[in-house]
Amino acid sequence: MNVLAIADHNGIRIAELGFLLAAVAGSVFALATITPFGRAGNFLDGIAPAGGCALLIVAAHWGHFG
């Protein structure tokens, strides 16, 4: 029995959100070289890719993405 069943369309949406978080992380990495963000920038640098990857794993495994 599949406890976490996600429809195909929702799996694609979750994957899109994961890719968006990866894009935000890349933007923060790029802007951090120009302006110092301090602790908030470091937090975003770490949490955005981790959250994006977690969403992509959920979309690939339970959302039939790919």
PDB file of N, CA and C in Angstrom:
ATOM      1  N   MET A   1       0.840  -1.179   0.000  1.00  0.00           N
ATOM      2  CA  MET A   1       0.000   0.000   0.000  1.00  0.00           C
ATOM      3  C   MET A   1       0.888   1.246   0.000  1.00  0.00           C
ATOM      4  N   ASN A   2       0.606   2.147  -0.917  1.00  0.00           N
ATOM      5  CA  ASN A   2       1.363   3.379  -1.031  1.00  0.00           C
ATOM      6  C   ASN A   2       0.729   4.445  -0.146  1.00  0.00           C
ATOM      7  N   VAL A   3       1.436   4.816   0.909  1.00  0.00           N
ATOM      8  CA  VAL A   3       0.884   5.767   1.877  1.00  0.00           C
ATOM      9  C   VAL A   3       0.856   7.179   1.307  1.00  0.00           C
ATOM     10  N   LEU A   4       1.910   7.565   0.604  1.00  0.00           N
ATOM     11  CA  LEU A   4       2.016   8.917   0.071  1.00  0.00           C
ATOM     12  C   LEU A   4       1.829   8.878  -1.437  1.00  0.00           C
ATOM     13  N   ALA A   5       0.578   8.790  -1.879  1.00  0.00           N
ATOM     14  CA  ALA A   5       0.275   8.747  -3.308  1.00  0.00           C
ATOM     15  C   ALA A   5       0.020  10.168  -3.801  1.00  0.00           C
ATOM     16  N   ILE A   6       0.782  10.569  -4.790  1.00  0.00           N
ATOM     17  CA  ILE A   6       0.664  11.908  -5.359  1.00  0.00           C
ATOM     18  C   ILE A   6       0.277  11.756  -6.825  1.00  0.00           C
ATOM     19  N   ALA A   7      -0.696  12.519  -7.265  1.00  0.00           N
ATOM     20  CA  ALA A   7      -1.132  12.463  -8.661  1.00  0.00           C
ATOM     21  C   ALA A   7      -0.008  12.963  -9.578  1.00  0.00           C
ATOM     22  N   ASP A   8      -0.052  12.553 -10.839  1.00  0.00           N
ATOM     23  CA  ASP A   8       0.986  12.925 -11.798  1.00  0.00           C
ATOM     24  C   ASP A   8       1.137  14.440 -11.913  1.00  0.00           C
ATOM     25  N   HIS A   9       0.021  15.151 -12.010  1.00  0.00           N
ATOM     26  CA  HIS A   9       0.070  16.603 -12.161  1.00  0.00           C
ATOM     27  C   HIS A   9       0.685  17.253 -10.929  1.00  0.00           C
ATOM     28  N   ASN A  10       0.329  16.779  -9.739  1.00  0.00           N
ATOM     29  CA  ASN A  10       0.895  17.343  -8.517  1.00  0.00           C
ATOM     30  C   ASN A  10       2.381  17.006  -8.401  1.00  0.00           C
ATOM     31  N   GLY A  11       2.785  15.842  -8.889  1.00  0.00           N
ATOM     32  CA  GLY A  11       4.199  15.497  -8.889  1.00  0.00           C
ATOM     33  C   GLY A  11       5.006  16.446  -9.743  1.00  0.00           C
ATOM     34  N   ILE A  12       4.444  16.843 -10.870  1.00  0.00           N
ATOM     35  CA  ILE A  12       5.124  17.813 -11.733  1.00  0.00           C
ATOM     36  C   ILE A  12       5.215  19.161 -11.044  1.00  0.00           C
ATOM     37  N   ARG A  13       4.162  19.565 -10.352  1.00  0.00           N
ATOM     38  CA  ARG A  13       4.174  20.845  -9.624  1.00  0.00           C
ATOM     39  C   ARG A  13       5.211  20.835  -8.507  1.00  0.00           C
ATOM     40  N   ILE A  14       5.320  19.730  -7.798  1.00  0.00           N
ATOM     41  CA  ILE A  14       6.312  19.620  -6.727  1.00  0.00           C
ATOM     42  C   ILE A  14       7.713  19.701  -7.313  1.00  0.00           C
ATOM     43  N   ALA A  15       7.938  19.047  -8.450  1.00  0.00           N
ATOM     44  CA  ALA A  15       9.240  19.112  -9.109  1.00  0.00           C
ATOM     45  C   ALA A  15       9.552  20.535  -9.575  1.00  0.00           C
ATOM     46  N   GLU A  16       8.558  21.230 -10.097  1.00  0.00           N
ATOM     47  CA  GLU A  16       8.763  22.618 -10.516  1.00  0.00           C
ATOM     48  C   GLU A  16       9.141  23.491  -9.325  1.00  0.00           C
ATOM     49  N   LEU A  17       8.527  23.260  -8.192  1.00  0.00           N
ATOM     50  CA  LEU A  17       8.863  24.014  -6.992  1.00  0.00           C
ATOM     51  C   LEU A  17      10.294  23.703  -6.546  1.00  0.00           C
ATOM     52  N   GLY A  18      10.697  22.453  -6.679  1.00  0.00           N
ATOM     53  CA  GLY A  18      12.080  22.092  -6.355  1.00  0.00           C
ATOM     54  C   GLY A  18      13.077  22.781  -7.262  1.00  0.00           C
ATOM     55  N   PHE A  19      12.786  22.827  -8.558  1.00  0.00           N
ATOM     56  CA  PHE A  19      13.668  23.526  -9.492  1.00  0.00           C
ATOM     57  C   PHE A  19      13.681  25.029  -9.215  1.00  0.00           C
ATOM     58  N   LEU A  20      12.544  25.589  -8.806  1.00  0.00           N
ATOM     59  CA  LEU A  20      12.493  27.006  -8.463  1.00  0.00           C
ATOM     60  C   LEU A  20      13.380  27.295  -7.256  1.00  0.00           C
ATOM     61  N   LEU A  21      13.341  26.426  -6.251  1.00  0.00           N
ATOM     62  CA  LEU A  21      14.212  26.618  -5.091  1.00  0.00           C
ATOM     63  C   LEU A  21      15.683  26.524  -5.492  1.00  0.00           C
ATOM     64  N   ALA A  22      15.999  25.643  -6.410  1.00  0.00           N
ATOM     65  CA  ALA A  22      17.381  25.551  -6.893  1.00  0.00           C
ATOM     66  C   ALA A  22      17.789  26.828  -7.620  1.00  0.00           C
ATOM     67  N   ALA A  23      16.879  27.412  -8.383  1.00  0.00           N
ATOM     68  CA  ALA A  23      17.168  28.664  -9.074  1.00  0.00           C
ATOM     69  C   ALA A  23      17.362  29.811  -8.084  1.00  0.00           C
ATOM     70  N   VAL A  24      16.546  29.844  -7.038  1.00  0.00           N
ATOM     71  CA  VAL A  24      16.701  30.867  -6.008  1.00  0.00           C
ATOM     72  C   VAL A  24      18.057  30.710  -5.325  1.00  0.00           C
ATOM     73  N   ALA A  25      18.436  29.480  -5.050  1.00  0.00           N
ATOM     74  CA  ALA A  25      19.733  29.240  -4.409  1.00  0.00           C
ATOM     75  C   ALA A  25      20.869  29.706  -5.304  1.00  0.00           C
ATOM     76  N   GLY A  26      20.782  29.442  -6.602  1.00  0.00           N
ATOM     77  CA  GLY A  26      21.813  29.907  -7.526  1.00  0.00           C
ATOM     78  C   GLY A  26      21.892  31.425  -7.572  1.00  0.00           C
ATOM     79  N   SER A  27      20.741  32.066  -7.520  1.00  0.00           N
ATOM     80  CA  SER A  27      20.722  33.530  -7.510  1.00  0.00           C
ATOM     81  C   SER A  27      21.358  34.083  -6.239  1.00  0.00           C
ATOM     82  N   VAL A  28      21.062  33.455  -5.114  1.00  0.00           N
ATOM     83  CA  VAL A  28      21.648  33.907  -3.856  1.00  0.00           C
ATOM     84  C   VAL A  28      23.158  33.688  -3.862  1.00  0.00           C
ATOM     85  N   PHE A  29      23.604  32.553  -4.409  1.00  0.00           N
ATOM     86  CA  PHE A  29      25.044  32.306  -4.523  1.00  0.00           C
ATOM     87  C   PHE A  29      25.694  33.394  -5.376  1.00  0.00           C
ATOM     88  N   ALA A  30      25.066  33.750  -6.482  1.00  0.00           N
ATOM     89  CA  ALA A  30      25.637  34.759  -7.376  1.00  0.00           C
ATOM     90  C   ALA A  30      25.645  36.143  -6.727  1.00  0.00           C
ATOM     91  N   LEU A  31      24.561  36.498  -6.061  1.00  0.00           N
ATOM     92  CA  LEU A  31      24.494  37.812  -5.421  1.00  0.00           C
ATOM     93  C   LEU A  31      25.403  37.909  -4.207  1.00  0.00           C
ATOM     94  N   ALA A  32      25.681  36.795  -3.568  1.00  0.00           N
ATOM     95  CA  ALA A  32      26.548  36.816  -2.390  1.00  0.00           C
ATOM     96  C   ALA A  32      27.971  37.192  -2.748  1.00  0.00           C
ATOM     97  N   THR A  33      28.369  36.976  -3.996  1.00  0.00           N
ATOM     98  CA  THR A  33      29.715  37.378  -4.397  1.00  0.00           C
ATOM     99  C   THR A  33      29.815  38.889  -4.581  1.00  0.00           C
ATOM    100  N   ILE A  34      28.679  39.539  -4.834  1.00  0.00           N
ATOM    101  CA  ILE A  34      28.667  40.982  -5.067  1.00  0.00           C
ATOM    102  C   ILE A  34      28.425  41.745  -3.773  1.00  0.00           C
ATOM    103  N   THR A  35      27.410  41.340  -3.022  1.00  0.00           N
ATOM    104  CA  THR A  35      27.047  42.034  -1.794  1.00  0.00           C
ATOM    105  C   THR A  35      27.063  41.041  -0.631  1.00  0.00           C
ATOM    106  N   PRO A  36      27.512  41.477   0.523  1.00  0.00           N
ATOM    107  CA  PRO A  36      27.495  40.577   1.679  1.00  0.00           C
ATOM    108  C   PRO A  36      26.079  40.463   2.252  1.00  0.00           C
ATOM    109  N   PHE A  37      25.577  39.244   2.359  1.00  0.00           N
ATOM    110  CA  PHE A  37      24.243  39.033   2.895  1.00  0.00           C
ATOM    111  C   PHE A  37      24.245  38.769   4.400  1.00  0.00           C
ATOM    112  N   GLY A  38      25.359  38.347   4.914  1.00  0.00           N
ATOM    113  CA  GLY A  38      25.420  38.028   6.331  1.00  0.00           C
ATOM    114  C   GLY A  38      24.808  36.669   6.626  1.00  0.00           C
ATOM    115  N   ARG A  39      24.237  36.546   7.796  1.00  0.00           N
ATOM    116  CA  ARG A  39      23.710  35.259   8.243  1.00  0.00           C
ATOM    117  C   ARG A  39      22.476  34.818   7.462  1.00  0.00           C
ATOM    118  N   ALA A  40      21.630  35.747   7.061  1.00  0.00           N
ATOM    119  CA  ALA A  40      20.430  35.379   6.308  1.00  0.00           C
ATOM    120  C   ALA A  40      20.804  34.790   4.948  1.00  0.00           C
ATOM    121  N   GLY A  41      21.808  35.344   4.311  1.00  0.00           N
ATOM    122  CA  GLY A  41      22.262  34.815   3.032  1.00  0.00           C
ATOM    123  C   GLY A  41      22.865  33.432   3.178  1.00  0.00           C
ATOM    124  N   ASN A  42      23.620  33.231   4.242  1.00  0.00           N
ATOM    125  CA  ASN A  42      24.191  31.910   4.487  1.00  0.00           C
ATOM    126  C   ASN A  42      23.096  30.884   4.741  1.00  0.00           C
ATOM    127  N   PHE A  43      22.061  31.279   5.442  1.00  0.00           N
ATOM    128  CA  PHE A  43      20.946  30.371   5.698  1.00  0.00           C
ATOM    129  C   PHE A  43      20.256  29.995   4.392  1.00  0.00           C
ATOM    130  N   LEU A  44      19.998  30.980   3.528  1.00  0.00           N
ATOM    131  CA  LEU A  44      19.371  30.698   2.238  1.00  0.00           C
ATOM    132  C   LEU A  44      20.276  29.852   1.354  1.00  0.00           C
ATOM    133  N   ASP A  45      21.569  30.104   1.412  1.00  0.00           N
ATOM    134  CA  ASP A  45      22.516  29.309   0.626  1.00  0.00           C
ATOM    135  C   ASP A  45      22.452  27.836   1.005  1.00  0.00           C
ATOM    136  N   GLY A  46      22.171  27.551   2.255  1.00  0.00           N
ATOM    137  CA  GLY A  46      22.126  26.170   2.702  1.00  0.00           C
ATOM    138  C   GLY A  46      20.773  25.518   2.592  1.00  0.00           C
ATOM    139  N   ILE A  47      19.728  26.246   2.912  1.00  0.00           N
ATOM    140  CA  ILE A  47      18.396  25.633   3.015  1.00  0.00           C
ATOM    141  C   ILE A  47      17.692  25.527   1.663  1.00  0.00           C
ATOM    142  N   ALA A  48      17.921  26.445   0.748  1.00  0.00           N
ATOM    143  CA  ALA A  48      17.221  26.397  -0.542  1.00  0.00           C
ATOM    144  C   ALA A  48      17.602  25.175  -1.373  1.00  0.00           C
ATOM    145  N   PRO A  49      18.883  24.842  -1.536  1.00  0.00           N
ATOM    146  CA  PRO A  49      19.190  23.628  -2.306  1.00  0.00           C
ATOM    147  C   PRO A  49      18.725  22.357  -1.601  1.00  0.00           C
ATOM    148  N   ALA A  50      18.831  22.355  -0.277  1.00  0.00           N
ATOM    149  CA  ALA A  50      18.388  21.168   0.469  1.00  0.00           C
ATOM    150  C   ALA A  50      16.884  20.961   0.317  1.00  0.00           C
ATOM    151  N   GLY A  51      16.112  22.021   0.429  1.00  0.00           N
ATOM    152  CA  GLY A  51      14.661  21.919   0.254  1.00  0.00           C
ATOM    153  C   GLY A  51      14.277  21.562  -1.168  1.00  0.00           C
ATOM    154  N   GLY A  52      14.968  22.153  -2.132  1.00  0.00           N
ATOM    155  CA  GLY A  52      14.695  21.838  -3.535  1.00  0.00           C
ATOM    156  C   GLY A  52      14.978  20.389  -3.862  1.00  0.00           C
ATOM    157  N   CYS A  53      16.089  19.877  -3.361  1.00  0.00           N
ATOM    158  CA  CYS A  53      16.418  18.470  -3.609  1.00  0.00           C
ATOM    159  C   CYS A  53      15.429  17.535  -2.930  1.00  0.00           C
ATOM    160  N   ALA A  54      15.004  17.888  -1.733  1.00  0.00           N
ATOM    161  CA  ALA A  54      14.014  17.059  -1.039  1.00  0.00           C
ATOM    162  C   ALA A  54      12.700  17.015  -1.820  1.00  0.00           C
ATOM    163  N   LEU A  55      12.274  18.158  -2.365  1.00  0.00           N
ATOM    164  CA  LEU A  55      11.051  18.181  -3.173  1.00  0.00           C
ATOM    165  C   LEU A  55      11.212  17.368  -4.454  1.00  0.00           C
ATOM    166  N   LEU A  56      12.382  17.419  -5.066  1.00  0.00           N
ATOM    167  CA  LEU A  56      12.610  16.630  -6.275  1.00  0.00           C
ATOM    168  C   LEU A  56      12.607  15.138  -5.976  1.00  0.00           C
ATOM    169  N   ILE A  57      13.116  14.746  -4.822  1.00  0.00           N
ATOM    170  CA  ILE A  57      13.081  13.336  -4.438  1.00  0.00           C
ATOM    171  C   ILE A  57      11.644  12.884  -4.243  1.00  0.00           C
ATOM    172  N   VAL A  58      10.836  13.691  -3.564  1.00  0.00           N
ATOM    173  CA  VAL A  58       9.420  13.347  -3.361  1.00  0.00           C
ATOM    174  C   VAL A  58       8.701  13.252  -4.701  1.00  0.00           C
ATOM    175  N   ALA A  59       8.958  14.213  -5.598  1.00  0.00           N
ATOM    176  CA  ALA A  59       8.293  14.208  -6.907  1.00  0.00           C
ATOM    177  C   ALA A  59       8.708  13.001  -7.739  1.00  0.00           C
ATOM    178  N   ALA A  60       9.975  12.632  -7.678  1.00  0.00           N
ATOM    179  CA  ALA A  60      10.446  11.510  -8.484  1.00  0.00           C
ATOM    180  C   ALA A  60       9.951  10.180  -7.934  1.00  0.00           C
ATOM    181  N   HIS A  61       9.885  10.063  -6.625  1.00  0.00           N
ATOM    182  CA  HIS A  61       9.532   8.764  -6.038  1.00  0.00           C
ATOM    183  C   HIS A  61       8.024   8.549  -5.990  1.00  0.00           C
ATOM    184  N   TRP A  62       7.298   9.522  -5.469  1.00  0.00           N
ATOM    185  CA  TRP A  62       5.869   9.324  -5.280  1.00  0.00           C
ATOM    186  C   TRP A  62       5.014  10.046  -6.307  1.00  0.00           C
ATOM    187  N   GLY A  63       5.557  11.015  -7.027  1.00  0.00           N
ATOM    188  CA  GLY A  63       4.750  11.801  -7.952  1.00  0.00           C
ATOM    189  C   GLY A  63       4.861  11.377  -9.395  1.00  0.00           C
ATOM    190  N   HIS A  64       5.589  10.313  -9.676  1.00  0.00           N
ATOM    191  CA  HIS A  64       5.765   9.791 -11.037  1.00  0.00           C
ATOM    192  C   HIS A  64       6.299  10.852 -11.978  1.00  0.00           C
ATOM    193  N   PHE A  65       7.230  11.662 -11.476  1.00  0.00           N
ATOM    194  CA  PHE A  65       7.879  12.685 -12.292  1.00  0.00           C
ATOM    195  C   PHE A  65       9.079  12.060 -12.964  1.00  0.00           C
ATOM    196  N   GLY A  66       9.186  12.232 -14.270  1.00  0.00           N
ATOM    197  CA  GLY A  66      10.380  11.757 -14.969  1.00  0.00           C
ATOM    198  C   GLY A  66      10.200  10.541 -15.762  1.00  0.00           C
TER     199      GLY A  66
END
